[in-house]
PDB file of all heavy atoms in Angstrom:
ATOM      1  N   ARG A   1      27.415 -90.822 -16.556  1.00  0.00           N
ATOM      2  CA  ARG A   1      28.400 -89.959 -15.902  1.00  0.00           C
ATOM      3  C   ARG A   1      28.963 -88.964 -16.907  1.00  0.00           C
ATOM      4  O   ARG A   1      29.333 -89.345 -18.020  1.00  0.00           O
ATOM      5  CB  ARG A   1      29.571 -90.785 -15.347  1.00  0.00           C
ATOM      6  CG  ARG A   1      29.213 -91.687 -14.180  1.00  0.00           C
ATOM      7  CD  ARG A   1      28.756 -93.064 -14.609  1.00  0.00           C
ATOM      8  NE  ARG A   1      29.825 -93.849 -15.232  1.00  0.00           N
ATOM      9  CZ  ARG A   1      29.618 -94.896 -16.014  1.00  0.00           C
ATOM     10  NH1 ARG A   1      28.375 -95.285 -16.327  1.00  0.00           N
ATOM     11  NH2 ARG A   1      30.644 -95.563 -16.515  1.00  0.00           N
ATOM     12  N   LEU A   2      29.032 -87.708 -16.502  1.00  0.00           N
ATOM     13  CA  LEU A   2      29.664 -86.668 -17.313  1.00  0.00           C
ATOM     14  C   LEU A   2      30.868 -86.132 -16.556  1.00  0.00           C
ATOM     15  O   LEU A   2      30.760 -85.775 -15.379  1.00  0.00           O
ATOM     16  CB  LEU A   2      28.683 -85.538 -17.626  1.00  0.00           C
ATOM     17  CG  LEU A   2      29.215 -84.393 -18.505  1.00  0.00           C
ATOM     18  CD1 LEU A   2      28.095 -83.849 -19.406  1.00  0.00           C
ATOM     19  CD2 LEU A   2      29.795 -83.245 -17.673  1.00  0.00           C
ATOM     20  N   ALA A   3      32.020 -86.081 -17.229  1.00  0.00           N
ATOM     21  CA  ALA A   3      33.238 -85.515 -16.652  1.00  0.00           C
ATOM     22  C   ALA A   3      33.530 -84.183 -17.329  1.00  0.00           C
ATOM     23  O   ALA A   3      33.671 -84.119 -18.551  1.00  0.00           O
ATOM     24  CB  ALA A   3      34.412 -86.473 -16.835  1.00  0.00           C
ATOM     25  N   PHE A   4      33.605 -83.121 -16.539  1.00  0.00           N
ATOM     26  CA  PHE A   4      33.793 -81.754 -17.030  1.00  0.00           C
ATOM     27  C   PHE A   4      35.239 -81.351 -16.763  1.00  0.00           C
ATOM     28  O   PHE A   4      35.690 -81.351 -15.617  1.00  0.00           O
ATOM     29  CB  PHE A   4      32.828 -80.827 -16.288  1.00  0.00           C
ATOM     30  CG  PHE A   4      32.787 -79.418 -16.813  1.00  0.00           C
ATOM     31  CD1 PHE A   4      32.133 -79.119 -17.993  1.00  0.00           C
ATOM     32  CD2 PHE A   4      33.397 -78.392 -16.104  1.00  0.00           C
ATOM     33  CE1 PHE A   4      32.077 -77.815 -18.471  1.00  0.00           C
ATOM     34  CE2 PHE A   4      33.346 -77.090 -16.567  1.00  0.00           C
ATOM     35  CZ  PHE A   4      32.692 -76.801 -17.757  1.00  0.00           C
ATOM     36  N   TYR A   5      35.974 -81.015 -17.825  1.00  0.00           N
ATOM     37  CA  TYR A   5      37.400 -80.731 -17.621  1.00  0.00           C
ATOM     38  C   TYR A   5      37.884 -79.484 -18.351  1.00  0.00           C
ATOM     39  O   TYR A   5      39.100 -79.253 -18.474  1.00  0.00           O
ATOM     40  CB  TYR A   5      38.241 -81.948 -18.032  1.00  0.00           C
ATOM     41  CG  TYR A   5      38.267 -82.261 -19.506  1.00  0.00           C
ATOM     42  CD1 TYR A   5      39.345 -81.891 -20.301  1.00  0.00           C
ATOM     43  CD2 TYR A   5      37.209 -82.934 -20.117  1.00  0.00           C
ATOM     44  CE1 TYR A   5      39.376 -82.182 -21.655  1.00  0.00           C
ATOM     45  CE2 TYR A   5      37.230 -83.231 -21.463  1.00  0.00           C
ATOM     46  CZ  TYR A   5      38.317 -82.852 -22.228  1.00  0.00           C
ATOM     47  OH  TYR A   5      38.335 -83.142 -23.578  1.00  0.00           O
ATOM     48  N   GLY A   6      36.968 -78.641 -18.793  1.00  0.00           N
ATOM     49  CA  GLY A   6      37.371 -77.404 -19.447  1.00  0.00           C
ATOM     50  C   GLY A   6      36.162 -76.601 -19.857  1.00  0.00           C
ATOM     51  O   GLY A   6      35.017 -77.076 -19.770  1.00  0.00           O
ATOM     52  N   MET A   7      36.412 -75.360 -20.288  1.00  0.00           N
ATOM     53  CA  MET A   7      35.312 -74.486 -20.700  1.00  0.00           C
ATOM     54  C   MET A   7      35.810 -73.615 -21.857  1.00  0.00           C
ATOM     55  O   MET A   7      35.970 -72.401 -21.744  1.00  0.00           O
ATOM     56  CB  MET A   7      34.844 -73.629 -19.532  1.00  0.00           C
ATOM     57  CG  MET A   7      33.473 -73.037 -19.700  1.00  0.00           C
ATOM     58  SD  MET A   7      32.804 -72.412 -18.136  1.00  0.00           S
ATOM     59  CE  MET A   7      34.036 -71.188 -17.690  1.00  0.00           C
ATOM     60  N   ALA A   8      36.083 -74.282 -22.995  1.00  0.00           N
ATOM     61  CA  ALA A   8      36.693 -73.599 -24.132  1.00  0.00           C
ATOM     62  C   ALA A   8      35.840 -72.456 -24.657  1.00  0.00           C
ATOM     63  O   ALA A   8      36.365 -71.476 -25.195  1.00  0.00           O
ATOM     64  CB  ALA A   8      36.971 -74.599 -25.253  1.00  0.00           C
ATOM     65  N   SER A   9      34.521 -72.551 -24.501  1.00  0.00           N
ATOM     66  CA  SER A   9      33.631 -71.501 -24.992  1.00  0.00           C
ATOM     67  C   SER A   9      33.637 -70.269 -24.099  1.00  0.00           C
ATOM     68  O   SER A   9      33.117 -69.223 -24.460  1.00  0.00           O
ATOM     69  CB  SER A   9      32.198 -72.026 -25.082  1.00  0.00           C
ATOM     70  OG  SER A   9      31.671 -72.247 -23.790  1.00  0.00           O
ATOM     71  N   ARG A  10      34.262 -70.394 -22.917  1.00  0.00           N
ATOM     72  CA  ARG A  10      34.242 -69.331 -21.895  1.00  0.00           C
ATOM     73  C   ARG A  10      32.817 -69.040 -21.417  1.00  0.00           C
ATOM     74  O   ARG A  10      32.557 -67.995 -20.839  1.00  0.00           O
ATOM     75  CB  ARG A  10      34.861 -68.048 -22.425  1.00  0.00           C
ATOM     76  CG  ARG A  10      36.338 -67.820 -22.123  1.00  0.00           C
ATOM     77  CD  ARG A  10      37.262 -68.716 -22.876  1.00  0.00           C
ATOM     78  NE  ARG A  10      38.672 -68.307 -22.685  1.00  0.00           N
ATOM     79  CZ  ARG A  10      39.701 -68.962 -23.185  1.00  0.00           C
ATOM     80  NH1 ARG A  10      39.481 -70.060 -23.907  1.00  0.00           N
ATOM     81  NH2 ARG A  10      40.918 -68.550 -22.980  1.00  0.00           N
ATOM     82  N   LYS A  11      31.875 -69.987 -21.618  1.00  0.00           N
ATOM     83  CA  LYS A  11      30.499 -69.804 -21.184  1.00  0.00           C
ATOM     84  C   LYS A  11      30.165 -70.831 -20.106  1.00  0.00           C
ATOM     85  O   LYS A  11      30.373 -72.032 -20.298  1.00  0.00           O
ATOM     86  CB  LYS A  11      29.540 -69.959 -22.367  1.00  0.00           C
ATOM     87  CG  LYS A  11      29.716 -68.884 -23.435  1.00  0.00           C
ATOM     88  CD  LYS A  11      28.769 -69.108 -24.604  1.00  0.00           C
ATOM     89  CE  LYS A  11      28.965 -68.044 -25.673  1.00  0.00           C
ATOM     90  NZ  LYS A  11      28.092 -68.262 -26.856  1.00  0.00           N
ATOM     91  N   GLU A  12      29.642 -70.357 -18.991  1.00  0.00           N
ATOM     92  CA  GLU A  12      29.283 -71.247 -17.889  1.00  0.00           C
ATOM     93  C   GLU A  12      28.067 -72.107 -18.249  1.00  0.00           C
ATOM     94  O   GLU A  12      27.105 -71.597 -18.834  1.00  0.00           O
ATOM     95  CB  GLU A  12      28.951 -70.424 -16.641  1.00  0.00           C
ATOM     96  CG  GLU A  12      30.140 -69.751 -15.993  1.00  0.00           C
ATOM     97  CD  GLU A  12      30.849 -70.659 -15.004  1.00  0.00           C
ATOM     98  OE1 GLU A  12      30.378 -71.807 -14.809  1.00  0.00           O
ATOM     99  OE2 GLU A  12      31.863 -70.227 -14.448  1.00  0.00           O
ATOM    100  N   PRO A  13      28.093 -73.386 -17.898  1.00  0.00           N
ATOM    101  CA  PRO A  13      26.874 -74.189 -18.025  1.00  0.00           C
ATOM    102  C   PRO A  13      25.842 -73.740 -16.994  1.00  0.00           C
ATOM    103  O   PRO A  13      26.145 -72.972 -16.077  1.00  0.00           O
ATOM    104  CB  PRO A  13      27.358 -75.617 -17.724  1.00  0.00           C
ATOM    105  CG  PRO A  13      28.846 -75.559 -17.750  1.00  0.00           C
ATOM    106  CD  PRO A  13      29.237 -74.163 -17.403  1.00  0.00           C
ATOM    107  N   SER A  14      24.619 -74.232 -17.143  1.00  0.00           N
ATOM    108  CA  SER A  14      23.592 -73.946 -16.150  1.00  0.00           C
ATOM    109  C   SER A  14      23.944 -74.622 -14.826  1.00  0.00           C
ATOM    110  O   SER A  14      24.577 -75.687 -14.808  1.00  0.00           O
ATOM    111  CB  SER A  14      22.234 -74.459 -16.629  1.00  0.00           C
ATOM    112  OG  SER A  14      21.855 -73.826 -17.841  1.00  0.00           O
ATOM    113  N   PRO A  15      23.545 -74.032 -13.702  1.00  0.00           N
ATOM    114  CA  PRO A  15      23.801 -74.683 -12.408  1.00  0.00           C
ATOM    115  C   PRO A  15      23.146 -76.062 -12.354  1.00  0.00           C
ATOM    116  O   PRO A  15      22.071 -76.274 -12.914  1.00  0.00           O
ATOM    117  CB  PRO A  15      23.160 -73.718 -11.402  1.00  0.00           C
ATOM    118  CG  PRO A  15      23.113 -72.397 -12.105  1.00  0.00           C
ATOM    119  CD  PRO A  15      22.887 -72.720 -13.552  1.00  0.00           C
ATOM    120  N   VAL A  16      23.796 -76.977 -11.669  1.00  0.00           N
ATOM    121  CA  VAL A  16      23.277 -78.342 -11.539  1.00  0.00           C
ATOM    122  C   VAL A  16      22.678 -78.508 -10.148  1.00  0.00           C
ATOM    123  O   VAL A  16      23.330 -78.243  -9.133  1.00  0.00           O
ATOM    124  CB  VAL A  16      24.399 -79.378 -11.759  1.00  0.00           C
ATOM    125  CG1 VAL A  16      23.861 -80.787 -11.523  1.00  0.00           C
ATOM    126  CG2 VAL A  16      24.980 -79.251 -13.158  1.00  0.00           C
ATOM    127  N   ARG A  17      21.432 -78.949 -10.091  1.00  0.00           N
ATOM    128  CA  ARG A  17      20.752 -79.169  -8.816  1.00  0.00           C
ATOM    129  C   ARG A  17      20.913 -80.632  -8.397  1.00  0.00           C
ATOM    130  O   ARG A  17      20.639 -81.539  -9.178  1.00  0.00           O
ATOM    131  CB  ARG A  17      19.268 -78.830  -8.929  1.00  0.00           C
ATOM    132  CG  ARG A  17      18.988 -77.361  -9.222  1.00  0.00           C
ATOM    133  CD  ARG A  17      17.489 -77.072  -9.276  1.00  0.00           C
ATOM    134  NE  ARG A  17      16.813 -77.841 -10.334  1.00  0.00           N
ATOM    135  CZ  ARG A  17      16.020 -78.865 -10.132  1.00  0.00           C
ATOM    136  NH1 ARG A  17      15.780 -79.288  -8.903  1.00  0.00           N
ATOM    137  NH2 ARG A  17      15.441 -79.494 -11.132  1.00  0.00           N
ATOM    138  N   PRO A  18      21.367 -80.877  -7.160  1.00  0.00           N
ATOM    139  CA  PRO A  18      21.510 -82.264  -6.706  1.00  0.00           C
ATOM    140  C   PRO A  18      20.237 -83.091  -6.868  1.00  0.00           C
ATOM    141  O   PRO A  18      20.305 -84.289  -7.189  1.00  0.00           O
ATOM    142  CB  PRO A  18      21.888 -82.098  -5.222  1.00  0.00           C
ATOM    143  CG  PRO A  18      22.591 -80.777  -5.179  1.00  0.00           C
ATOM    144  CD  PRO A  18      21.858 -79.913  -6.167  1.00  0.00           C
ATOM    145  N   ALA A  19      19.093 -82.465  -6.675  1.00  0.00           N
ATOM    146  CA  ALA A  19      17.836 -83.222  -6.825  1.00  0.00           C
ATOM    147  C   ALA A  19      17.654 -83.721  -8.248  1.00  0.00           C
ATOM    148  O   ALA A  19      17.109 -84.814  -8.474  1.00  0.00           O
ATOM    149  CB  ALA A  19      16.647 -82.340  -6.420  1.00  0.00           C
ATOM    150  N   ALA A  20      18.108 -82.919  -9.221  1.00  0.00           N
ATOM    151  CA  ALA A  20      18.003 -83.344 -10.617  1.00  0.00           C
ATOM    152  C   ALA A  20      18.912 -84.531 -10.883  1.00  0.00           C
ATOM    153  O   ALA A  20      18.568 -85.438 -11.656  1.00  0.00           O
ATOM    154  CB  ALA A  20      18.352 -82.182 -11.546  1.00  0.00           C
ATOM    155  N   LEU A  21      20.080 -84.544 -10.244  1.00  0.00           N
ATOM    156  CA  LEU A  21      20.977 -85.693 -10.396  1.00  0.00           C
ATOM    157  C   LEU A  21      20.321 -86.952  -9.848  1.00  0.00           C
ATOM    158  O   LEU A  21      20.397 -88.022 -10.457  1.00  0.00           O
ATOM    159  CB  LEU A  21      22.302 -85.431  -9.678  1.00  0.00           C
ATOM    160  CG  LEU A  21      23.153 -84.268 -10.167  1.00  0.00           C
ATOM    161  CD1 LEU A  21      24.407 -84.129  -9.293  1.00  0.00           C
ATOM    162  CD2 LEU A  21      23.563 -84.466 -11.629  1.00  0.00           C
ATOM    163  N   MET A  22      19.699 -86.819  -8.702  1.00  0.00           N
ATOM    164  CA  MET A  22      19.055 -87.974  -8.082  1.00  0.00           C
ATOM    165  C   MET A  22      17.889 -88.469  -8.926  1.00  0.00           C
ATOM    166  O   MET A  22      17.704 -89.687  -9.098  1.00  0.00           O
ATOM    167  CB  MET A  22      18.569 -87.599  -6.685  1.00  0.00           C
ATOM    168  CG  MET A  22      17.913 -88.753  -5.926  1.00  0.00           C
ATOM    169  SD  MET A  22      17.378 -88.254  -4.272  1.00  0.00           S
ATOM    170  CE  MET A  22      16.088 -87.074  -4.664  1.00  0.00           C
ATOM    171  N   SER A  23      17.096 -87.546  -9.472  1.00  0.00           N
ATOM    172  CA  SER A  23      15.896 -87.960 -10.197  1.00  0.00           C
ATOM    173  C   SER A  23      16.231 -88.717 -11.463  1.00  0.00           C
ATOM    174  O   SER A  23      15.400 -89.469 -11.986  1.00  0.00           O
ATOM    175  CB  SER A  23      15.035 -86.740 -10.526  1.00  0.00           C
ATOM    176  OG  SER A  23      15.714 -85.878 -11.420  1.00  0.00           O
ATOM    177  N   HIS A  24      17.457 -88.532 -11.980  1.00  0.00           N
ATOM    178  CA  HIS A  24      17.869 -89.250 -13.193  1.00  0.00           C
ATOM    179  C   HIS A  24      19.017 -90.227 -12.931  1.00  0.00           C
ATOM    180  O   HIS A  24      19.520 -90.858 -13.859  1.00  0.00           O
ATOM    181  CB  HIS A  24      18.286 -88.254 -14.275  1.00  0.00           C
ATOM    182  CG  HIS A  24      17.174 -87.355 -14.731  1.00  0.00           C
ATOM    183  ND1 HIS A  24      16.129 -87.789 -15.513  1.00  0.00           N
ATOM    184  CD2 HIS A  24      16.927 -86.048 -14.482  1.00  0.00           C
ATOM    185  CE1 HIS A  24      15.295 -86.789 -15.739  1.00  0.00           C
ATOM    186  NE2 HIS A  24      15.759 -85.724 -15.122  1.00  0.00           N
ATOM    187  N   SER A  25      19.431 -90.336 -11.652  1.00  0.00           N
ATOM    188  CA  SER A  25      20.554 -91.227 -11.281  1.00  0.00           C
ATOM    189  C   SER A  25      21.783 -90.961 -12.144  1.00  0.00           C
ATOM    190  O   SER A  25      22.389 -91.873 -12.699  1.00  0.00           O
ATOM    191  CB  SER A  25      20.136 -92.695 -11.388  1.00  0.00           C
ATOM    192  OG  SER A  25      19.136 -92.999 -10.446  1.00  0.00           O
ATOM    193  N   THR A  26      22.133 -89.686 -12.261  1.00  0.00           N
ATOM    194  CA  THR A  26      23.294 -89.305 -13.065  1.00  0.00           C
ATOM    195  C   THR A  26      24.360 -88.662 -12.181  1.00  0.00           C
ATOM    196  O   THR A  26      24.094 -88.224 -11.060  1.00  0.00           O
ATOM    197  CB  THR A  26      22.906 -88.329 -14.184  1.00  0.00           C
ATOM    198  OG1 THR A  26      22.156 -87.242 -13.634  1.00  0.00           O
ATOM    199  CG2 THR A  26      22.075 -89.024 -15.243  1.00  0.00           C
ATOM    200  N   THR A  27      25.572 -88.619 -12.729  1.00  0.00           N
ATOM    201  CA  THR A  27      26.719 -88.086 -11.995  1.00  0.00           C
ATOM    202  C   THR A  27      27.462 -87.085 -12.870  1.00  0.00           C
ATOM    203  O   THR A  27      27.665 -87.325 -14.061  1.00  0.00           O
ATOM    204  CB  THR A  27      27.695 -89.218 -11.609  1.00  0.00           C
ATOM    205  OG1 THR A  27      27.025 -90.158 -10.770  1.00  0.00           O
ATOM    206  CG2 THR A  27      28.918 -88.679 -10.886  1.00  0.00           C
ATOM    207  N   ILE A  28      27.873 -85.958 -12.276  1.00  0.00           N
ATOM    208  CA  ILE A  28      28.763 -85.031 -12.959  1.00  0.00           C
ATOM    209  C   ILE A  28      29.994 -84.836 -12.079  1.00  0.00           C
ATOM    210  O   ILE A  28      29.880 -84.693 -10.860  1.00  0.00           O
ATOM    211  CB  ILE A  28      28.078 -83.680 -13.263  1.00  0.00           C
ATOM    212  CG1 ILE A  28      29.031 -82.761 -14.037  1.00  0.00           C
ATOM    213  CG2 ILE A  28      27.582 -83.009 -12.000  1.00  0.00           C
ATOM    214  CD1 ILE A  28      28.366 -81.528 -14.615  1.00  0.00           C
ATOM    215  N   SER A  29      31.158 -84.897 -12.699  1.00  0.00           N
ATOM    216  CA  SER A  29      32.405 -84.716 -11.954  1.00  0.00           C
ATOM    217  C   SER A  29      33.291 -83.725 -12.691  1.00  0.00           C
ATOM    218  O   SER A  29      33.107 -83.464 -13.884  1.00  0.00           O
ATOM    219  CB  SER A  29      33.141 -86.051 -11.782  1.00  0.00           C
ATOM    220  OG  SER A  29      33.564 -86.547 -13.041  1.00  0.00           O
ATOM    221  N   GLY A  30      34.246 -83.181 -11.975  1.00  0.00           N
ATOM    222  CA  GLY A  30      35.223 -82.286 -12.575  1.00  0.00           C
ATOM    223  C   GLY A  30      36.597 -82.922 -12.520  1.00  0.00           C
ATOM    224  O   GLY A  30      36.873 -83.792 -11.687  1.00  0.00           O
ATOM    225  N   MET A  31      37.473 -82.483 -13.407  1.00  0.00           N
ATOM    226  CA  MET A  31      38.837 -83.008 -13.397  1.00  0.00           C
ATOM    227  C   MET A  31      39.830 -81.906 -13.727  1.00  0.00           C
ATOM    228  O   MET A  31      39.716 -81.229 -14.742  1.00  0.00           O
ATOM    229  CB  MET A  31      38.976 -84.151 -14.413  1.00  0.00           C
ATOM    230  CG  MET A  31      40.246 -85.013 -14.221  1.00  0.00           C
ATOM    231  SD  MET A  31      41.795 -84.283 -14.795  1.00  0.00           S
ATOM    232  CE  MET A  31      41.588 -84.400 -16.577  1.00  0.00           C
ATOM    233  N   TRP A  32      40.783 -81.701 -12.822  1.00  0.00           N
ATOM    234  CA  TRP A  32      41.946 -80.849 -13.042  1.00  0.00           C
ATOM    235  C   TRP A  32      43.157 -81.726 -12.793  1.00  0.00           C
ATOM    236  O   TRP A  32      43.320 -82.285 -11.715  1.00  0.00           O
ATOM    237  CB  TRP A  32      41.929 -79.647 -12.099  1.00  0.00           C
ATOM    238  CG  TRP A  32      43.012 -78.644 -12.360  1.00  0.00           C
ATOM    239  CD1 TRP A  32      43.643 -78.404 -13.540  1.00  0.00           C
ATOM    240  CD2 TRP A  32      43.582 -77.744 -11.411  1.00  0.00           C
ATOM    241  NE1 TRP A  32      44.581 -77.409 -13.392  1.00  0.00           N
ATOM    242  CE2 TRP A  32      44.554 -76.982 -12.089  1.00  0.00           C
ATOM    243  CE3 TRP A  32      43.365 -77.502 -10.046  1.00  0.00           C
ATOM    244  CZ2 TRP A  32      45.323 -76.004 -11.457  1.00  0.00           C
ATOM    245  CZ3 TRP A  32      44.113 -76.520  -9.431  1.00  0.00           C
ATOM    246  CH2 TRP A  32      45.078 -75.780 -10.128  1.00  0.00           C
ATOM    247  N   LEU A  33      43.995 -81.883 -13.805  1.00  0.00           N
ATOM    248  CA  LEU A  33      45.081 -82.860 -13.737  1.00  0.00           C
ATOM    249  C   LEU A  33      46.007 -82.623 -12.547  1.00  0.00           C
ATOM    250  O   LEU A  33      46.597 -83.572 -12.022  1.00  0.00           O
ATOM    251  CB  LEU A  33      45.883 -82.838 -15.047  1.00  0.00           C
ATOM    252  CG  LEU A  33      46.871 -83.989 -15.246  1.00  0.00           C
ATOM    253  CD1 LEU A  33      46.147 -85.330 -15.299  1.00  0.00           C
ATOM    254  CD2 LEU A  33      47.691 -83.789 -16.523  1.00  0.00           C
ATOM    255  N   ALA A  34      46.125 -81.385 -12.094  1.00  0.00           N
ATOM    256  CA  ALA A  34      47.015 -81.088 -10.966  1.00  0.00           C
ATOM    257  C   ALA A  34      46.657 -81.902  -9.725  1.00  0.00           C
ATOM    258  O   ALA A  34      47.536 -82.233  -8.908  1.00  0.00           O
ATOM    259  CB  ALA A  34      46.968 -79.594 -10.645  1.00  0.00           C
ATOM    260  N   HIS A  35      45.385 -82.255  -9.566  1.00  0.00           N
ATOM    261  CA  HIS A  35      44.973 -83.001  -8.375  1.00  0.00           C
ATOM    262  C   HIS A  35      45.423 -84.456  -8.394  1.00  0.00           C
ATOM    263  O   HIS A  35      45.390 -85.124  -7.352  1.00  0.00           O
ATOM    264  CB  HIS A  35      43.450 -82.926  -8.229  1.00  0.00           C
ATOM    265  CG  HIS A  35      42.956 -81.565  -7.851  1.00  0.00           C
ATOM    266  ND1 HIS A  35      41.826 -81.007  -8.393  1.00  0.00           N
ATOM    267  CD2 HIS A  35      43.469 -80.640  -7.001  1.00  0.00           C
ATOM    268  CE1 HIS A  35      41.648 -79.798  -7.882  1.00  0.00           C
ATOM    269  NE2 HIS A  35      42.632 -79.549  -7.053  1.00  0.00           N
ATOM    270  N   VAL A  36      45.843 -84.946  -9.556  1.00  0.00           N
ATOM    271  CA  VAL A  36      46.333 -86.329  -9.641  1.00  0.00           C
ATOM    272  C   VAL A  36      47.523 -86.536  -8.712  1.00  0.00           C
ATOM    273  O   VAL A  36      47.713 -87.612  -8.137  1.00  0.00           O
ATOM    274  CB  VAL A  36      46.702 -86.677 -11.098  1.00  0.00           C
ATOM    275  CG1 VAL A  36      47.489 -87.974 -11.177  1.00  0.00           C
ATOM    276  CG2 VAL A  36      45.437 -86.786 -11.935  1.00  0.00           C
ATOM    277  N   PHE A  37      48.315 -85.478  -8.537  1.00  0.00           N
ATOM    278  CA  PHE A  37      49.532 -85.616  -7.732  1.00  0.00           C
ATOM    279  C   PHE A  37      49.246 -85.653  -6.236  1.00  0.00           C
ATOM    280  O   PHE A  37      50.158 -85.872  -5.440  1.00  0.00           O
ATOM    281  CB  PHE A  37      50.495 -84.478  -8.078  1.00  0.00           C
ATOM    282  CG  PHE A  37      50.875 -84.469  -9.528  1.00  0.00           C
ATOM    283  CD1 PHE A  37      50.267 -83.586 -10.411  1.00  0.00           C
ATOM    284  CD2 PHE A  37      51.788 -85.380 -10.031  1.00  0.00           C
ATOM    285  CE1 PHE A  37      50.584 -83.591 -11.765  1.00  0.00           C
ATOM    286  CE2 PHE A  37      52.108 -85.392 -11.378  1.00  0.00           C
ATOM    287  CZ  PHE A  37      51.507 -84.505 -12.237  1.00  0.00           C
ATOM    288  N   GLN A  38      47.998 -85.464  -5.843  1.00  0.00           N
ATOM    289  CA  GLN A  38      47.610 -85.585  -4.441  1.00  0.00           C
ATOM    290  C   GLN A  38      47.085 -86.976  -4.107  1.00  0.00           C
ATOM    291  O   GLN A  38      46.795 -87.263  -2.955  1.00  0.00           O
ATOM    292  CB  GLN A  38      46.546 -84.533  -4.111  1.00  0.00           C
ATOM    293  CG  GLN A  38      47.013 -83.097  -4.306  1.00  0.00           C
ATOM    294  CD  GLN A  38      45.908 -82.086  -4.046  1.00  0.00           C
ATOM    295  OE1 GLN A  38      44.911 -82.394  -3.396  1.00  0.00           O
ATOM    296  NE2 GLN A  38      46.080 -80.872  -4.552  1.00  0.00           N
ATOM    297  N   LEU A  39      46.968 -87.833  -5.125  1.00  0.00           N
ATOM    298  CA  LEU A  39      46.464 -89.187  -4.903  1.00  0.00           C
ATOM    299  C   LEU A  39      47.573 -90.088  -4.363  1.00  0.00           C
ATOM    300  O   LEU A  39      48.753 -89.885  -4.663  1.00  0.00           O
ATOM    301  CB  LEU A  39      45.939 -89.772  -6.213  1.00  0.00           C
ATOM    302  CG  LEU A  39      44.719 -89.084  -6.837  1.00  0.00           C
ATOM    303  CD1 LEU A  39      44.421 -89.673  -8.208  1.00  0.00           C
ATOM    304  CD2 LEU A  39      43.508 -89.222  -5.926  1.00  0.00           C
ATOM    305  N   PRO A  40      47.225 -91.075  -3.572  1.00  0.00           N
ATOM    306  CA  PRO A  40      48.237 -92.029  -3.108  1.00  0.00           C
ATOM    307  C   PRO A  40      48.780 -92.856  -4.272  1.00  0.00           C
ATOM    308  O   PRO A  40      48.057 -93.164  -5.225  1.00  0.00           O
ATOM    309  CB  PRO A  40      47.467 -92.909  -2.116  1.00  0.00           C
ATOM    310  CG  PRO A  40      46.031 -92.768  -2.505  1.00  0.00           C
ATOM    311  CD  PRO A  40      45.891 -91.380  -3.034  1.00  0.00           C
TER     312      PRO A  40
END
């Protein structure tokens, strides 16, 4: 699992294809702390 939470280089990563995630059984997620306050 990879958690993406910033882009200090100001450079976009390559697009991620869902099929590539499936073929390697990997997960990528994003995190913005502001969304924590929407959790129960």
